[in-house]
Each structure stands twice: as structure tokens, then as C-alpha cells.
């Protein structure tokens, strides 16, 4: 790859719009779910799909349900998206995502979804 292409790719990466948010992984077989927050929703979805393709549990805490019900029982659901603002720092964006996680955790405890 030539220098110009690398530079263009780096610039494109730096200027991409970051979309984070809250998602859950649901085991339809048991009804159990795990709520997570991330500053990169697409990355979390890609990791989940990779786990499915490898037939391996996305996280150790899910392994028991994964082994019992199989990969076809699991789904990845985005609960809420949040775009990083242009002047927002990574730290501020991460803090906003964590606040969103708290809101969704409370909502789900109350039976919101």
C-alpha cells in the first residue's frame, strides 16, 4: 500500500462518526439477557457475529446458557444509539454512554422491556 493510500485511510478513520450505545445479548431459550454499553456499536455487533460463526460464547458469563441452548438462541439487540458529538472528547463520550447504560439498567430492572 502506498503512502498516499495509508494517509487517506488514516484520515478517513479519524473522521468517521462514532456511534456508541447500549445493547443486550438475549438468550431466547432461557429469557436471560446481558446489557452492555460500548462506544462502538458496530464493533460489538461484529464481535457477536464472529462468536456465532465460531460457535463460541461471546462472554464467559454466557457460556452455560450458550452450551445449554446453542448459538441459535442468542441475539444481539441495540437498545439505544448515541452519536459522538464533533467537539466531544472520547472521555466525555464514554461517560455519556455509561450514563445511558445506567438508565437502561434501571429501566430493565423495572420491567421496561
Protein backbone atom coordinates (compact mmCIF):
# COMPACT_ATOMS: atom_id res chain seq x y z
CA UNK A 1 0.00 0.00 0.00
CA UNK A 2 1.47 3.34 -0.94
CA UNK A 3 1.93 6.28 1.44
CA UNK A 4 -0.94 8.28 -0.05
CA UNK A 5 -3.41 5.42 0.44
CA UNK A 6 -2.30 4.88 4.04
CA UNK A 7 -2.63 8.57 4.78
CA UNK A 8 -6.11 8.69 3.23
CA UNK A 9 -7.20 5.64 5.21
CA UNK A 10 -5.88 7.12 8.46
CA UNK A 11 -7.70 10.37 7.77
CA UNK A 12 -10.91 8.52 6.94
CA UNK A 13 -10.61 6.54 10.20
CA UNK A 14 -10.05 9.70 12.26
CA UNK A 15 -13.04 11.44 10.66
CA UNK A 16 -15.54 8.61 10.98
CA UNK A 17 -18.68 9.20 13.01
CA UNK A 18 -18.57 7.17 16.20
CA UNK A 19 -21.85 5.59 17.22
CA UNK A 20 -21.99 4.05 20.64
CA UNK A 21 -24.83 2.99 22.82
CA UNK A 22 -26.44 0.28 24.85
CA UNK A 23 -27.22 -3.21 23.62
CA UNK A 24 -28.22 -6.51 25.07
CA UNK A 25 -27.49 -10.08 24.23
CA UNK A 26 -30.60 -12.15 24.73
CA UNK A 27 -30.88 -15.89 25.19
CA UNK A 28 -34.35 -16.71 23.85
CA UNK A 29 -34.15 -20.21 25.31
CA UNK A 30 -33.93 -19.04 28.92
CA UNK A 31 -35.06 -15.44 28.69
CA UNK A 32 -31.78 -14.35 30.26
CA UNK A 33 -30.08 -11.25 28.90
CA UNK A 34 -26.92 -9.27 29.42
CA UNK A 35 -26.90 -5.49 28.99
CA UNK A 36 -23.72 -3.83 27.79
CA UNK A 37 -22.53 -0.38 26.74
CA UNK A 38 -19.95 0.46 24.11
CA UNK A 39 -18.52 3.42 22.26
CA UNK A 40 -18.56 1.30 19.10
CA UNK A 41 -21.89 -0.42 18.43
CA UNK A 42 -20.82 -1.80 15.07
CA UNK A 43 -17.76 -3.39 16.70
CA UNK A 44 -19.92 -5.06 19.35
CA UNK A 45 -22.22 -6.43 16.66
CA UNK A 46 -19.23 -7.70 14.67
CA UNK A 47 -17.79 -9.45 17.75
CA UNK A 48 -21.16 -11.07 18.42
CA UNK A 49 -21.45 -12.30 14.82
CA UNK A 50 -17.89 -13.62 14.99
CA UNK A 51 -18.78 -15.56 18.16
CA UNK A 52 -21.75 -17.06 16.33
CA UNK A 53 -19.58 -18.06 13.37
CA UNK A 54 -17.05 -19.69 15.70
CA UNK A 55 -19.81 -21.26 17.85
CA UNK A 56 -18.24 -19.82 20.98
CA UNK A 57 -19.87 -17.89 23.77
CA UNK A 58 -19.43 -14.10 23.43
CA UNK A 59 -18.50 -13.82 27.12
CA UNK A 60 -17.66 -16.35 29.84
CA UNK A 61 -20.76 -15.36 31.87
CA UNK A 62 -22.92 -16.56 28.96
CA UNK A 63 -21.20 -19.90 28.46
CA UNK A 64 -23.62 -22.01 30.48
CA UNK A 65 -26.67 -20.75 28.58
CA UNK A 66 -24.72 -20.96 25.30
CA UNK A 67 -23.89 -24.61 25.93
CA UNK A 68 -27.43 -25.45 27.02
CA UNK A 69 -29.44 -23.63 24.34
CA UNK A 70 -26.98 -23.24 21.47
CA UNK A 71 -25.97 -20.29 19.36
CA UNK A 72 -29.30 -20.08 17.53
CA UNK A 73 -30.96 -19.00 20.81
CA UNK A 74 -28.85 -15.87 21.08
CA UNK A 75 -29.50 -12.47 19.56
CA UNK A 76 -27.88 -9.04 19.68
CA UNK A 77 -30.30 -6.15 20.15
CA UNK A 78 -29.40 -2.47 20.10
CA UNK A 79 -31.43 -0.69 22.77
CA UNK A 80 -30.26 2.87 22.12
CA UNK A 81 -27.70 4.58 19.92
CA UNK A 82 -25.73 7.73 20.68
CA UNK A 83 -23.53 9.57 18.18
CA UNK A 84 -20.35 11.21 19.38
CA UNK A 85 -20.59 14.96 19.05
CA UNK A 86 -17.96 16.71 16.96
CA UNK A 87 -16.40 18.61 19.88
CA UNK A 88 -16.89 15.85 22.44
CA UNK A 89 -13.79 14.12 23.82
CA UNK A 90 -13.52 10.33 23.95
CA UNK A 91 -13.78 10.52 27.73
CA UNK A 92 -16.94 12.63 27.63
CA UNK A 93 -18.47 10.30 25.05
CA UNK A 94 -17.65 7.28 27.19
CA UNK A 95 -19.17 8.97 30.23
CA UNK A 96 -22.39 9.67 28.30
CA UNK A 97 -22.54 6.03 27.21
CA UNK A 98 -22.12 4.86 30.82
CA UNK A 99 -24.95 7.14 31.96
CA UNK A 100 -27.11 5.68 29.20
CA UNK A 101 -26.24 2.19 30.50
CA UNK A 102 -27.37 3.16 34.00
CA UNK A 103 -30.67 4.45 32.63
CA UNK A 104 -31.28 1.24 30.67
CA UNK A 105 -30.25 -0.96 33.58
CA UNK A 106 -32.81 0.79 35.82
CA UNK A 107 -35.45 0.61 33.10
CA UNK A 108 -34.94 -3.12 32.59
CA UNK A 109 -34.97 -3.82 36.35
CA UNK A 110 -38.38 -2.16 36.47
CA UNK A 111 -39.61 -4.43 33.69
CA UNK A 112 -39.38 -1.83 30.93
CA UNK A 113 -38.54 -4.38 28.24
